[in-house]
Amino acid sequence: MQLNSEDKEAIFEIVAARYFTEQQWKWINLKKETEKIFRTYEELEEQYASYSYVSRDWYVENTGSKNTHMCNTWKELKNLVNFLKAYKGVFNFLINTGDRKSFCIVSDSKEVSETQALAIGEVKELGYTVILFLTSFPEDFDFQILQVRSVN
C-alpha cells in the first residue's frame, strides 16, 4: 500500500508540530483550527456589542482564546480573520516564536503555487513572516497491513 499526498502532508504536519513544540513556540494548525479563530472573532464582536464601553483591544488582549489567534489588537485580529477567509487552506500553521508571528507552509518542495505566492505577498504586508518548512519523505515508501481484526 502506498501513501497518497494527503497522508504525506499529515506526516509533514506532525513533524513540523513536533519541531515547533520542541522550540517552545506557540502554534496552531490552521488546517484544523481556522474555524476556532472565526468563532473567537464573532464572540468578541458580540461581547463588544453588549459592553461597548470596554475597548475592543482590551477584549482581544484579555480573551481566554488569545492562544488561538495570537493577536494583541482588534485591528490585528480583524486583519487575520479577513486574510484567513480569503486564503483559507493555503497555510498549515500560524506560529508565534515570541519574537515574531509567522505563517507556515509545510511541503516537500521549494516550489509554491500561484495562490500561495499571492497569499505570501499579502500576509507579509500584514506584518507576518512566512516559513516554508521543507521535509523529505521517501518516494517509494511502502507498508503492509499485517492484520485487521475485531477484538471482542
Protein backbone atom coordinates (compact mmCIF):
# COMPACT_ATOMS: atom_id res chain seq x y z
CA MET A 1 0.00 0.00 0.00
CA GLN A 2 1.36 3.43 -0.93
CA LEU A 3 0.85 6.71 0.91
CA ASN A 4 -1.05 9.38 -1.00
CA SER A 5 -0.31 13.12 -0.95
CA GLU A 6 -2.78 13.79 1.90
CA ASP A 7 -1.05 11.12 4.02
CA LYS A 8 2.33 12.71 3.36
CA GLU A 9 1.04 16.18 4.24
CA ALA A 10 -0.34 14.82 7.53
CA ILE A 11 3.07 13.32 8.33
CA PHE A 12 4.78 16.61 7.43
CA GLU A 13 2.40 18.44 9.79
CA ILE A 14 3.23 16.03 12.61
CA VAL A 15 6.96 16.61 12.07
CA ALA A 16 6.51 20.39 11.92
CA ALA A 17 4.29 20.44 15.04
CA ARG A 18 6.88 18.45 16.97
CA TYR A 19 9.62 20.85 15.84
CA PHE A 20 7.58 23.90 16.90
CA THR A 21 6.81 22.33 20.25
CA GLU A 22 10.48 21.48 20.85
CA GLN A 23 11.35 25.12 20.07
CA GLN A 24 8.71 26.12 22.68
CA TRP A 25 6.82 28.15 20.10
CA LYS A 26 3.11 28.74 20.30
CA TRP A 27 1.38 27.38 17.21
CA ILE A 28 -1.95 26.35 15.81
CA ASN A 29 -2.74 24.10 12.89
CA LEU A 30 -4.70 26.30 10.50
CA LYS A 31 -5.94 23.31 8.52
CA LYS A 32 -7.78 22.15 11.64
CA GLU A 33 -8.39 25.26 13.75
CA THR A 34 -9.21 28.20 11.48
CA GLU A 35 -12.87 27.92 12.44
CA LYS A 36 -11.89 28.49 16.11
CA ILE A 37 -10.36 31.83 15.13
CA PHE A 38 -13.54 32.78 13.27
CA ARG A 39 -15.70 31.82 16.28
CA THR A 40 -13.47 33.79 18.65
CA TYR A 41 -13.77 36.84 16.40
CA GLU A 42 -17.58 36.53 16.36
CA GLU A 43 -17.70 36.07 20.15
CA LEU A 44 -15.58 39.18 20.69
CA GLU A 45 -17.87 41.13 18.35
CA GLU A 46 -20.86 40.03 20.46
CA GLN A 47 -19.12 40.93 23.73
CA TYR A 48 -18.21 44.36 22.41
CA ALA A 49 -21.78 44.92 21.19
CA SER A 50 -23.03 44.15 24.71
CA TYR A 51 -20.34 46.10 26.58
CA SER A 52 -19.07 48.75 24.18
CA TYR A 53 -17.61 50.89 26.97
CA VAL A 54 -14.66 48.45 27.05
CA SER A 55 -12.27 48.78 24.12
CA ARG A 56 -12.08 46.06 21.50
CA ASP A 57 -8.31 45.87 22.06
CA TRP A 58 -8.97 45.01 25.70
CA TYR A 59 -11.24 42.14 24.66
CA VAL A 60 -8.61 40.81 22.24
CA GLU A 61 -5.79 41.11 24.77
CA ASN A 62 -7.73 39.51 27.63
CA THR A 63 -9.70 36.77 25.92
CA GLY A 64 -9.17 33.23 27.06
CA SER A 65 -8.72 32.20 23.44
CA LYS A 66 -5.75 34.50 22.79
CA ASN A 67 -3.53 31.45 22.28
CA THR A 68 -5.74 30.55 19.34
CA HIS A 69 -5.43 33.79 17.39
CA MET A 70 -2.22 35.19 18.99
CA CYS A 71 -3.30 38.79 18.27
CA ASN A 72 -2.76 41.82 20.50
CA THR A 73 -5.17 44.31 18.96
CA TRP A 74 -8.60 44.35 17.38
CA LYS A 75 -7.15 45.57 14.09
CA GLU A 76 -4.66 42.70 14.02
CA LEU A 77 -7.40 40.14 14.75
CA LYS A 78 -9.72 41.63 12.14
CA ASN A 79 -6.94 41.59 9.52
CA LEU A 80 -6.11 37.99 10.43
CA VAL A 81 -9.72 36.88 10.07
CA ASN A 82 -10.14 38.66 6.73
CA PHE A 83 -6.89 37.16 5.46
CA LEU A 84 -7.85 33.64 6.56
CA LYS A 85 -11.24 33.97 4.89
CA ALA A 86 -9.55 34.96 1.64
CA TYR A 87 -6.80 32.32 1.82
CA LYS A 88 -8.27 29.51 3.90
CA GLY A 89 -6.30 26.32 3.44
CA VAL A 90 -3.19 27.92 1.95
CA PHE A 91 -1.06 27.83 5.12
CA ASN A 92 -0.64 24.93 7.51
CA PHE A 93 0.31 26.79 10.69
CA LEU A 94 0.25 30.12 12.50
CA ILE A 95 3.29 30.37 14.77
CA ASN A 96 4.39 32.76 17.49
CA THR A 97 8.09 32.36 18.26
CA GLY A 98 8.00 35.06 20.92
CA ASP A 99 9.89 37.46 18.65
CA ARG A 100 7.64 37.27 15.61
CA LYS A 101 4.47 35.80 14.23
CA SER A 102 4.69 33.67 11.14
CA PHE A 103 2.56 31.70 8.75
CA CYS A 104 3.98 28.34 7.74
CA ILE A 105 3.60 26.09 4.72
CA VAL A 106 4.80 22.51 5.14
CA SER A 107 5.95 20.82 1.97
CA ASP A 108 8.48 18.58 0.33
CA SER A 109 9.04 21.08 -2.47
CA LYS A 110 10.60 24.53 -2.60
CA GLU A 111 8.06 25.49 -5.25
CA VAL A 112 4.97 27.42 -4.21
CA SER A 113 1.74 27.62 -6.14
CA GLU A 114 0.43 30.84 -7.62
CA THR A 115 -2.20 31.05 -4.86
CA GLN A 116 0.47 30.51 -2.21
CA ALA A 117 2.65 33.21 -3.77
CA LEU A 118 -0.25 35.70 -3.68
CA ALA A 119 -1.04 34.77 -0.06
CA ILE A 120 2.62 35.13 0.93
CA GLY A 121 2.73 38.63 -0.54
CA GLU A 122 -0.43 39.69 1.27
CA VAL A 123 0.49 38.20 4.62
CA LYS A 124 3.87 39.94 4.54
CA GLU A 125 2.03 43.24 4.07
CA LEU A 126 0.17 42.47 7.30
CA GLY A 127 3.50 42.20 9.14
CA TYR A 128 3.86 38.42 9.36
CA THR A 129 6.84 36.44 8.20
CA VAL A 130 6.49 33.25 6.19
CA ILE A 131 8.22 29.97 6.91
CA LEU A 132 8.47 27.23 4.33
CA PHE A 133 9.00 24.07 6.39
CA LEU A 134 10.60 21.61 3.98
CA THR A 135 10.79 17.97 4.83
CA SER A 136 11.61 14.92 2.79
CA PHE A 137 9.91 11.60 2.57
CA PRO A 138 10.98 8.53 0.60
CA GLU A 139 9.11 8.37 -2.70
CA ASP A 140 8.77 4.62 -2.63
CA PHE A 141 7.72 4.30 1.00
CA ASP A 142 5.59 1.22 1.15
CA PHE A 143 3.90 -0.50 4.03
CA GLN A 144 1.90 -3.63 4.63
CA ILE A 145 -1.18 -4.08 6.70
CA LEU A 146 -0.43 -7.06 8.92
CA GLN A 147 -3.84 -7.67 10.32
CA VAL A 148 -7.26 -6.15 10.65
CA ARG A 149 -9.50 -7.96 13.09
CA SER A 150 -12.20 -7.43 15.61
CA VAL A 151 -11.38 -7.94 19.24
CA ASN A 152 -14.28 -8.87 21.49
